[in-house]
N, C-alpha and C. Protein backbone atom coordinates (compact mmCIF):
# COMPACT_ATOMS: atom_id res chain seq x y z
N UNK A 1 -4.65 -109.78 -15.82
CA UNK A 1 -4.18 -110.10 -14.39
C UNK A 1 -3.99 -111.81 -14.45
N UNK A 2 -2.30 -111.98 -13.92
CA UNK A 2 -1.98 -112.76 -14.16
C UNK A 2 -2.48 -113.98 -12.97
N UNK A 3 -1.93 -113.54 -11.41
CA UNK A 3 -1.75 -114.10 -10.84
C UNK A 3 -2.55 -113.64 -9.32
N UNK A 4 -3.41 -113.85 -8.19
CA UNK A 4 -3.68 -113.10 -7.30
C UNK A 4 -3.39 -113.77 -6.01
N UNK A 5 -3.32 -113.15 -4.82
CA UNK A 5 -2.77 -113.55 -3.62
C UNK A 5 -3.47 -112.95 -2.22
N UNK A 6 -3.58 -113.10 -1.19
CA UNK A 6 -3.51 -112.52 0.02
C UNK A 6 -2.52 -112.77 0.90
N UNK A 7 -2.03 -111.71 1.92
CA UNK A 7 -1.11 -111.68 2.55
C UNK A 7 -1.23 -112.62 3.72
N UNK A 8 -0.17 -113.50 4.27
CA UNK A 8 -0.71 -114.28 5.64
C UNK A 8 -0.65 -113.00 6.48
N UNK A 9 -1.30 -113.96 7.85
CA UNK A 9 -1.01 -112.85 9.01
C UNK A 9 -0.15 -111.84 9.41
N UNK A 10 1.13 -112.46 8.75
CA UNK A 10 2.40 -111.45 8.91
C UNK A 10 2.60 -110.75 8.05
N UNK A 11 1.41 -110.16 7.00
CA UNK A 11 1.49 -109.15 6.00
C UNK A 11 2.64 -109.46 4.68
N UNK A 12 2.93 -111.01 4.81
CA UNK A 12 3.74 -111.89 3.73
C UNK A 12 3.06 -112.28 3.01
N UNK A 13 3.70 -111.98 1.53
CA UNK A 13 2.93 -112.94 -0.04
C UNK A 13 3.72 -113.44 -0.45
N UNK A 14 3.47 -114.39 -1.42
CA UNK A 14 4.35 -114.98 -2.53
C UNK A 14 3.78 -115.19 -3.85
N UNK A 15 4.41 -115.08 -4.69
CA UNK A 15 4.14 -115.79 -5.93
C UNK A 15 4.90 -116.84 -6.27
N UNK A 16 4.57 -118.61 -7.02
CA UNK A 16 5.51 -119.39 -7.62
C UNK A 16 5.32 -119.21 -8.81
N UNK A 17 5.73 -120.07 -9.56
CA UNK A 17 6.26 -120.37 -10.95
C UNK A 17 5.46 -119.32 -12.00
N UNK A 18 5.72 -117.91 -11.71
CA UNK A 18 5.71 -117.09 -13.09
C UNK A 18 6.48 -116.92 -13.99
N UNK A 19 5.88 -116.97 -14.98
CA UNK A 19 6.87 -117.22 -16.18
C UNK A 19 7.19 -115.80 -16.32
N UNK A 20 9.13 -115.69 -16.96
CA UNK A 20 9.71 -114.56 -17.04
C UNK A 20 8.84 -113.74 -17.82
N UNK A 21 9.27 -112.53 -17.66
CA UNK A 21 8.74 -111.13 -18.51
C UNK A 21 8.67 -110.27 -17.47
N UNK A 22 7.48 -108.77 -17.92
CA UNK A 22 7.47 -108.12 -17.60
C UNK A 22 6.20 -107.41 -16.98
N UNK A 23 6.17 -107.16 -15.53
CA UNK A 23 4.35 -107.08 -14.93
C UNK A 23 4.24 -105.96 -14.46
N UNK A 24 2.96 -105.49 -14.23
CA UNK A 24 3.03 -105.12 -12.84
C UNK A 24 2.53 -105.49 -11.55
N UNK A 25 3.30 -105.01 -10.48
CA UNK A 25 2.31 -106.01 -9.28
C UNK A 25 1.75 -104.21 -8.62
N UNK A 26 0.16 -105.07 -8.00
CA UNK A 26 -0.87 -104.20 -7.87
C UNK A 26 -0.93 -104.73 -6.57
N UNK A 27 -0.82 -103.97 -5.32
CA UNK A 27 -1.47 -103.86 -3.64
C UNK A 27 -2.55 -103.51 -3.63
N UNK A 28 -3.39 -103.74 -2.65
CA UNK A 28 -4.39 -103.08 -2.61
C UNK A 28 -4.66 -103.47 -0.83
N UNK A 29 -5.45 -102.17 -0.31
CA UNK A 29 -5.77 -102.21 1.45
C UNK A 29 -6.73 -101.40 1.18
N UNK A 30 -7.77 -102.07 2.06
CA UNK A 30 -9.07 -101.06 2.26
C UNK A 30 -8.69 -99.89 2.78
N UNK A 31 -9.27 -98.27 2.19
CA UNK A 31 -9.13 -97.03 2.78
C UNK A 31 -6.91 -96.69 2.62
N UNK A 32 -6.52 -97.71 1.51
CA UNK A 32 -5.25 -97.13 1.34
C UNK A 32 -5.05 -97.05 0.23
N UNK A 33 -3.90 -96.13 -0.26
CA UNK A 33 -4.02 -95.88 -1.84
C UNK A 33 -3.19 -97.30 -2.62
N UNK A 34 -3.34 -97.69 -3.80
CA UNK A 34 -3.03 -98.21 -4.37
C UNK A 34 -1.43 -98.57 -4.59
N UNK A 35 -0.66 -99.59 -4.13
CA UNK A 35 0.78 -99.29 -4.45
C UNK A 35 1.07 -100.38 -5.58
N UNK A 36 1.54 -99.72 -6.55
CA UNK A 36 2.20 -100.16 -8.27
C UNK A 36 3.41 -99.71 -8.14
N UNK A 37 4.21 -101.15 -8.85
CA UNK A 37 5.33 -101.13 -9.15
C UNK A 37 5.38 -101.94 -10.52
N UNK A 38 6.29 -101.95 -11.59
CA UNK A 38 6.45 -102.54 -12.31
C UNK A 38 7.91 -104.05 -11.99
N UNK A 39 7.90 -105.16 -12.94
CA UNK A 39 8.92 -106.40 -12.21
C UNK A 39 9.07 -106.72 -13.26
N UNK A 40 10.47 -106.95 -13.65
CA UNK A 40 10.70 -107.71 -14.75
C UNK A 40 11.79 -109.06 -13.86
N UNK A 41 10.81 -110.19 -14.52
CA UNK A 41 11.10 -111.81 -14.04
C UNK A 41 12.33 -112.13 -14.91
N UNK A 42 13.30 -113.21 -14.67
CA UNK A 42 13.65 -113.72 -15.64
C UNK A 42 13.29 -114.97 -15.11
N UNK A 43 13.76 -116.15 -15.84
CA UNK A 43 13.92 -117.71 -14.99
C UNK A 43 14.22 -117.56 -13.52
N UNK A 44 15.00 -117.01 -13.67
CA UNK A 44 15.98 -117.21 -11.86
C UNK A 44 15.56 -116.21 -10.98
N UNK A 45 14.68 -115.62 -11.51
CA UNK A 45 14.22 -114.19 -10.07
C UNK A 45 13.78 -114.68 -9.01
N UNK A 46 14.29 -114.03 -7.84
CA UNK A 46 13.80 -114.31 -6.57
C UNK A 46 13.94 -112.32 -6.06
N UNK A 47 12.70 -112.05 -6.14
CA UNK A 47 12.62 -110.68 -5.42
C UNK A 47 12.16 -110.45 -4.31
N UNK A 48 12.65 -109.92 -3.18
CA UNK A 48 12.18 -109.38 -2.39
C UNK A 48 11.62 -107.60 -1.58
N UNK A 49 10.93 -107.27 -1.62
CA UNK A 49 9.99 -105.73 -1.75
C UNK A 49 10.45 -105.34 -0.76
N UNK A 50 10.66 -106.06 0.24
CA UNK A 50 10.89 -105.79 1.91
C UNK A 50 9.60 -104.97 2.24
N UNK A 51 9.58 -103.93 3.08
CA UNK A 51 8.49 -103.33 3.62
C UNK A 51 7.60 -102.47 2.64
N UNK A 52 6.55 -102.60 2.43
CA UNK A 52 5.77 -101.30 1.49
C UNK A 52 5.09 -100.69 2.01
N UNK A 53 5.35 -99.63 2.10
CA UNK A 53 4.36 -98.37 3.00
C UNK A 53 3.40 -98.04 1.98
N UNK A 54 2.39 -97.88 2.40
CA UNK A 54 1.48 -97.61 2.14
C UNK A 54 0.90 -96.12 2.48
N UNK A 55 0.10 -95.30 2.00
CA UNK A 55 -0.48 -94.46 2.44
C UNK A 55 -2.14 -94.03 2.37
N UNK A 56 -2.98 -93.90 3.48
CA UNK A 56 -3.87 -93.38 3.03
C UNK A 56 -4.72 -92.80 2.31
N UNK A 57 -5.61 -92.90 1.53
CA UNK A 57 -6.24 -92.50 0.47
C UNK A 57 -6.68 -90.91 0.51
N UNK A 58 -7.30 -90.89 2.23
CA UNK A 58 -7.46 -89.68 2.51
C UNK A 58 -6.48 -88.26 2.70
N UNK A 59 -4.70 -89.30 2.60
CA UNK A 59 -3.79 -88.35 2.64
C UNK A 59 -3.40 -87.45 1.50
N UNK A 60 -3.96 -88.57 0.09
CA UNK A 60 -3.30 -88.23 -0.81
C UNK A 60 -4.09 -87.15 -1.65
N UNK A 61 -5.23 -86.65 -0.99
CA UNK A 61 -6.15 -85.62 -1.62
C UNK A 61 -5.99 -84.47 -1.49
N UNK A 62 -5.54 -83.49 -2.06
CA UNK A 62 -5.24 -81.81 -1.77
C UNK A 62 -6.23 -81.18 -1.64
N UNK A 63 -7.08 -81.33 -2.40
CA UNK A 63 -8.21 -80.67 -3.12
C UNK A 63 -9.77 -80.96 -3.29
N UNK A 64 -10.84 -80.28 -3.45
CA UNK A 64 -11.87 -80.66 -4.08
C UNK A 64 -12.25 -79.77 -4.49
N UNK A 65 -12.70 -79.86 -5.69
CA UNK A 65 -13.71 -78.58 -6.16
C UNK A 65 -14.92 -79.18 -7.03
N UNK A 66 -15.86 -78.57 -6.07
CA UNK A 66 -17.07 -79.20 -6.02
C UNK A 66 -18.23 -77.78 -7.41
N UNK A 67 -18.62 -78.09 -8.14
CA UNK A 67 -19.20 -77.02 -9.58
C UNK A 67 -20.36 -77.46 -9.40
N UNK A 68 -21.51 -76.93 -9.39
CA UNK A 68 -23.16 -77.24 -9.83
C UNK A 68 -23.49 -76.97 -10.89
N UNK A 69 -23.94 -77.32 -12.00
CA UNK A 69 -24.67 -76.00 -12.76
C UNK A 69 -26.23 -75.83 -12.08
N UNK A 70 -26.82 -74.82 -12.51
CA UNK A 70 -28.12 -74.35 -11.75
C UNK A 70 -29.25 -75.04 -12.96
N UNK A 71 -30.04 -75.51 -12.11
CA UNK A 71 -31.13 -75.96 -12.46
C UNK A 71 -32.02 -74.89 -13.36
N UNK A 72 -31.98 -73.99 -13.04
CA UNK A 72 -32.96 -72.60 -14.05
C UNK A 72 -31.49 -71.81 -13.49
N UNK A 73 -31.72 -70.98 -14.95
CA UNK A 73 -31.05 -69.69 -14.64
C UNK A 73 -31.57 -69.16 -16.25
N UNK A 74 -31.08 -67.57 -15.77
CA UNK A 74 -31.30 -66.83 -16.71
C UNK A 74 -30.46 -66.20 -17.91
N UNK A 75 -30.31 -66.39 -18.97
CA UNK A 75 -29.31 -66.16 -20.17
C UNK A 75 -29.85 -64.52 -21.28
N UNK A 76 -29.87 -63.44 -20.67
CA UNK A 76 -30.49 -63.02 -21.41
C UNK A 76 -31.81 -62.56 -21.37
N UNK A 77 -32.85 -62.66 -22.41
CA UNK A 77 -34.10 -62.48 -22.31
C UNK A 77 -34.77 -64.05 -22.12
N UNK A 78 -33.71 -65.00 -22.14
CA UNK A 78 -33.91 -66.99 -22.14
C UNK A 78 -34.20 -67.53 -21.05
N UNK A 79 -35.26 -68.26 -20.81
CA UNK A 79 -35.22 -69.15 -19.53
C UNK A 79 -34.60 -70.65 -19.88
N UNK A 80 -33.51 -70.90 -18.86
CA UNK A 80 -32.67 -71.94 -19.42
C UNK A 80 -32.95 -73.22 -18.20
N UNK A 81 -33.35 -74.33 -18.43
CA UNK A 81 -33.81 -75.62 -17.45
C UNK A 81 -32.71 -76.48 -18.01
N UNK A 82 -31.57 -76.90 -17.10
CA UNK A 82 -30.76 -78.51 -17.07
C UNK A 82 -31.56 -79.57 -17.08
N UNK A 83 -31.79 -79.85 -18.19
CA UNK A 83 -32.83 -80.98 -18.31
C UNK A 83 -32.45 -81.96 -17.15
N UNK A 84 -31.15 -82.48 -17.17
CA UNK A 84 -30.67 -83.44 -16.41
C UNK A 84 -31.59 -83.29 -14.61
N UNK A 85 -31.35 -82.05 -14.73
CA UNK A 85 -31.38 -81.36 -13.10
C UNK A 85 -33.46 -81.61 -12.77
N UNK A 86 -34.29 -82.32 -12.99
CA UNK A 86 -35.42 -82.53 -13.05
C UNK A 86 -35.48 -84.25 -13.59
N UNK A 87 -35.71 -84.75 -12.52
CA UNK A 87 -36.12 -86.02 -12.27
C UNK A 87 -37.53 -86.76 -13.17
N UNK A 88 -36.95 -87.41 -14.05
CA UNK A 88 -38.37 -88.35 -14.97
C UNK A 88 -37.98 -89.95 -14.83
N UNK A 89 -38.88 -90.46 -15.61
CA UNK A 89 -38.94 -92.22 -15.54
C UNK A 89 -37.96 -92.22 -16.75
N UNK A 90 -37.23 -93.54 -16.36
CA UNK A 90 -36.61 -94.29 -17.63
C UNK A 90 -37.58 -93.98 -19.24
N UNK A 91 -36.90 -93.82 -20.30
CA UNK A 91 -37.89 -93.84 -21.81
C UNK A 91 -38.84 -93.02 -21.75
N UNK A 92 -38.63 -91.85 -20.49
CA UNK A 92 -40.00 -90.94 -20.30
C UNK A 92 -39.60 -89.66 -21.85
N UNK A 93 -40.72 -89.20 -22.21
CA UNK A 93 -40.37 -88.27 -23.45
C UNK A 93 -40.20 -87.23 -22.91
N UNK A 94 -40.43 -85.76 -24.16
CA UNK A 94 -40.36 -84.78 -23.76
C UNK A 94 -41.35 -84.41 -23.01
N UNK A 95 -42.48 -84.50 -23.09
CA UNK A 95 -43.53 -84.01 -22.51
C UNK A 95 -43.67 -83.91 -20.81
N UNK A 96 -43.20 -85.25 -20.66
CA UNK A 96 -43.09 -85.68 -19.04
C UNK A 96 -41.84 -84.82 -18.45
N UNK A 97 -41.07 -84.69 -19.12
CA UNK A 97 -40.05 -83.46 -19.41
C UNK A 97 -40.37 -82.27 -18.53
N UNK A 98 -41.04 -81.78 -19.82
CA UNK A 98 -42.14 -80.20 -19.66
C UNK A 98 -42.82 -80.13 -18.21
N UNK A 99 -43.44 -81.11 -18.09
CA UNK A 99 -44.17 -81.06 -17.45
C UNK A 99 -43.70 -80.78 -15.41
N UNK A 100 -42.37 -81.22 -15.42
CA UNK A 100 -41.55 -80.75 -14.35
C UNK A 100 -40.99 -79.62 -14.35
N UNK A 101 -40.81 -79.22 -15.38
CA UNK A 101 -40.17 -77.70 -14.93
C UNK A 101 -41.45 -76.61 -14.89
N UNK A 102 -41.13 -75.70 -13.36
CA UNK A 102 -41.43 -74.64 -12.88
C UNK A 102 -41.80 -73.71 -13.85
N UNK A 103 -43.10 -73.24 -14.32
CA UNK A 103 -43.54 -72.30 -14.97
C UNK A 103 -44.21 -72.72 -16.59
N UNK A 104 -44.03 -74.44 -16.78
CA UNK A 104 -43.92 -75.11 -18.05
C UNK A 104 -45.48 -76.16 -17.86
N UNK A 105 -46.47 -75.88 -18.21
CA UNK A 105 -47.58 -76.49 -18.27
C UNK A 105 -47.66 -77.52 -19.32
N UNK A 106 -47.87 -79.01 -19.57
CA UNK A 106 -48.70 -79.55 -20.86
C UNK A 106 -49.86 -80.21 -20.30
N UNK A 107 -51.04 -79.80 -20.93
CA UNK A 107 -52.37 -80.56 -21.21
C UNK A 107 -52.36 -81.69 -21.38
N UNK A 108 -53.42 -82.79 -21.28
CA UNK A 108 -53.74 -83.87 -21.62
C UNK A 108 -53.42 -84.05 -23.06
N UNK A 109 -53.78 -82.83 -23.66
CA UNK A 109 -53.51 -83.07 -25.58
C UNK A 109 -52.20 -82.84 -25.77
N UNK A 110 -51.49 -82.53 -24.97
CA UNK A 110 -49.96 -82.19 -25.27
C UNK A 110 -49.62 -81.00 -25.43
N UNK A 111 -50.58 -80.06 -25.10
CA UNK A 111 -50.82 -78.52 -25.27
C UNK A 111 -49.67 -77.91 -24.62
N UNK A 112 -48.82 -76.83 -24.95
CA UNK A 112 -47.67 -76.56 -23.58
C UNK A 112 -47.87 -74.77 -23.53
N UNK A 113 -47.98 -74.25 -22.08
CA UNK A 113 -47.91 -73.40 -21.96
C UNK A 113 -46.43 -73.05 -20.98
N UNK A 114 -46.20 -71.76 -21.32
CA UNK A 114 -44.84 -71.47 -20.72
C UNK A 114 -44.89 -70.26 -20.09
N UNK A 115 -44.90 -69.94 -18.68
CA UNK A 115 -45.67 -68.61 -17.94
C UNK A 115 -46.27 -67.96 -18.70
N UNK A 116 -47.53 -68.95 -18.75
CA UNK A 116 -49.13 -68.58 -19.05
C UNK A 116 -49.43 -68.74 -20.39
N UNK A 117 -48.48 -68.49 -21.53
CA UNK A 117 -48.74 -67.88 -22.49
C UNK A 117 -48.23 -69.36 -23.06
N UNK A 118 -49.39 -69.97 -24.43
CA UNK A 118 -49.53 -70.94 -24.92
C UNK A 118 -47.92 -70.71 -26.18
N UNK A 119 -47.42 -72.19 -26.06
CA UNK A 119 -46.00 -72.55 -27.18
C UNK A 119 -46.44 -73.18 -28.40
N UNK A 120 -46.24 -72.04 -29.48
CA UNK A 120 -46.50 -72.20 -30.79
C UNK A 120 -45.38 -73.31 -31.42
N UNK A 121 -44.51 -73.18 -31.22
CA UNK A 121 -43.35 -73.50 -32.00
C UNK A 121 -42.44 -74.16 -30.81
N UNK A 122 -41.64 -75.46 -31.15
CA UNK A 122 -40.60 -76.16 -30.69
C UNK A 122 -39.54 -76.51 -31.20
N UNK A 123 -38.61 -75.73 -31.03
CA UNK A 123 -37.20 -76.06 -31.76
C UNK A 123 -36.40 -77.12 -31.29
N UNK A 124 -35.63 -77.65 -31.79
CA UNK A 124 -35.11 -78.73 -31.57
C UNK A 124 -33.29 -78.34 -32.02
N UNK A 125 -32.14 -77.78 -31.17
CA UNK A 125 -30.94 -77.87 -31.57
C UNK A 125 -31.00 -76.34 -32.96
N UNK A 126 -31.81 -75.41 -32.30
CA UNK A 126 -32.52 -74.47 -33.22
C UNK A 126 -33.12 -74.37 -34.08
N UNK A 127 -33.41 -75.42 -34.84
CA UNK A 127 -34.64 -75.49 -36.24
C UNK A 127 -35.52 -76.58 -35.69
N UNK A 128 -36.95 -75.63 -36.27
CA UNK A 128 -38.17 -76.63 -36.12
C UNK A 128 -37.96 -77.97 -36.26
N UNK A 129 -39.05 -78.76 -35.17
CA UNK A 129 -38.71 -79.84 -35.48
C UNK A 129 -40.36 -80.69 -35.81
N UNK A 130 -40.89 -81.67 -37.11
CA UNK A 130 -42.38 -81.24 -37.52
C UNK A 130 -42.69 -80.50 -37.85
N UNK A 131 -41.94 -79.39 -38.47
CA UNK A 131 -42.59 -77.96 -38.61
C UNK A 131 -43.24 -77.69 -37.60
N UNK A 132 -44.62 -77.21 -37.47
CA UNK A 132 -45.34 -76.32 -37.04
C UNK A 132 -46.15 -77.20 -35.78
N UNK A 133 -45.95 -78.25 -35.66
CA UNK A 133 -46.63 -78.94 -34.65
C UNK A 133 -46.22 -79.54 -32.92
N UNK A 134 -45.73 -78.53 -32.18
CA UNK A 134 -45.08 -79.08 -31.03
C UNK A 134 -45.39 -80.60 -30.33
N UNK A 135 -46.70 -81.06 -30.72
CA UNK A 135 -46.88 -81.87 -29.93
C UNK A 135 -46.10 -83.02 -30.45
N UNK A 136 -45.82 -83.25 -31.65
CA UNK A 136 -44.58 -84.23 -32.10
C UNK A 136 -43.75 -84.02 -31.63
N UNK A 137 -43.00 -83.10 -31.58
CA UNK A 137 -41.63 -83.15 -31.12
C UNK A 137 -41.59 -83.46 -29.34
N UNK A 138 -42.50 -83.07 -28.76
CA UNK A 138 -42.42 -83.39 -27.43
C UNK A 138 -42.59 -85.03 -26.97
N UNK A 139 -43.93 -85.71 -27.97
CA UNK A 139 -44.17 -86.52 -28.19
C UNK A 139 -43.06 -87.86 -28.16
N UNK A 140 -42.45 -87.70 -29.39
CA UNK A 140 -41.51 -88.69 -29.54
C UNK A 140 -40.24 -88.83 -29.39
N UNK A 141 -40.31 -87.61 -28.94
CA UNK A 141 -38.81 -87.28 -28.31
C UNK A 141 -38.09 -87.93 -27.13
N UNK A 142 -37.05 -88.65 -26.85
CA UNK A 142 -36.92 -89.13 -25.72
C UNK A 142 -36.57 -88.16 -24.71
N UNK A 143 -36.76 -87.69 -23.43
CA UNK A 143 -36.39 -86.88 -22.48
C UNK A 143 -34.82 -86.83 -22.39
N UNK A 144 -34.28 -88.21 -22.14
CA UNK A 144 -32.81 -88.04 -21.80
C UNK A 144 -31.80 -87.68 -23.45
N UNK A 145 -32.73 -87.26 -24.41
CA UNK A 145 -31.59 -86.87 -25.17
C UNK A 145 -31.83 -85.27 -25.33
N UNK A 146 -32.55 -84.43 -24.37
CA UNK A 146 -32.04 -83.12 -24.07
C UNK A 146 -31.66 -82.89 -22.96
N UNK A 147 -30.38 -81.73 -23.39
CA UNK A 147 -29.25 -81.47 -22.37
C UNK A 147 -30.10 -80.10 -21.72
N UNK A 148 -30.80 -79.37 -22.88
CA UNK A 148 -31.29 -78.02 -21.86
C UNK A 148 -32.55 -77.75 -22.57
N UNK A 149 -33.45 -77.14 -21.98
CA UNK A 149 -34.63 -76.75 -22.43
C UNK A 149 -34.59 -75.11 -22.19
N UNK A 150 -34.96 -74.06 -23.17
CA UNK A 150 -34.90 -72.84 -23.10
C UNK A 150 -36.49 -72.24 -23.49
N UNK A 151 -36.62 -71.39 -22.74
CA UNK A 151 -37.67 -70.71 -23.22
C UNK A 151 -37.82 -69.30 -23.42
N UNK A 152 -37.91 -68.88 -24.49
CA UNK A 152 -38.22 -67.22 -25.09
C UNK A 152 -39.24 -66.83 -25.29
N UNK A 153 -39.17 -65.64 -25.20
CA UNK A 153 -40.51 -64.80 -26.78
C UNK A 153 -39.82 -64.59 -27.89
N UNK A 154 -40.34 -64.87 -28.86
CA UNK A 154 -40.02 -64.47 -30.10
C UNK A 154 -41.35 -64.05 -31.04
N UNK A 155 -42.30 -63.23 -30.56
CA UNK A 155 -43.68 -62.73 -31.09
C UNK A 155 -44.72 -63.57 -29.93
N UNK A 156 -44.21 -65.09 -30.39
CA UNK A 156 -45.37 -66.15 -29.92
C UNK A 156 -43.98 -66.66 -28.78
N UNK A 157 -44.63 -67.24 -27.71
CA UNK A 157 -43.51 -68.40 -26.98
C UNK A 157 -42.82 -69.10 -27.60
N UNK A 158 -42.03 -69.40 -27.75
CA UNK A 158 -40.78 -70.65 -28.64
C UNK A 158 -40.32 -71.49 -27.06
N UNK A 159 -40.17 -72.72 -27.47
CA UNK A 159 -39.42 -73.46 -26.40
C UNK A 159 -38.23 -74.31 -27.55
N UNK A 160 -37.34 -74.31 -26.90
CA UNK A 160 -36.36 -74.55 -27.85
C UNK A 160 -35.72 -75.70 -27.07
N UNK A 161 -35.34 -76.93 -27.32
CA UNK A 161 -34.68 -77.97 -27.19
C UNK A 161 -33.22 -78.34 -27.24
N UNK A 162 -32.20 -78.19 -26.47
CA UNK A 162 -30.69 -78.43 -27.35
C UNK A 162 -30.24 -79.61 -26.51
N UNK A 163 -29.85 -80.48 -27.28
CA UNK A 163 -29.33 -81.82 -27.36
C UNK A 163 -28.44 -82.39 -27.78
């Protein structure tokens, strides 16, 4: 940014002592779309822009599409939870996230149950994390690193964290 100014009560403005060169002029006003134009100044430039017509921001927008991911969905025989749909405190671990998921319970010892069955294995990005101890994966991984939690039954209940 080289210079800034405000208009006077009549809506007029001017810049003095601007070095020659190429510039972008940006004019803003609340609730109005920004006006941007390129200017090339020489040593003797005196540019009159005349009336500048600005559009309301509300008139520029032709369409809004809102798409929401479902917080919980079924994908075949797998129950999928979108992790960011369940609020946890900053720096929370995965155990705290799991406690917020419907049908998933974590006791004070870190044991996990999903749909009433004990979870024996936790997968992180499809691989076992810290061997077969789900407590380590859920206690030491941060919840904000997890994109989704998948619960599926593969002989014993499995929990898969995708991040």
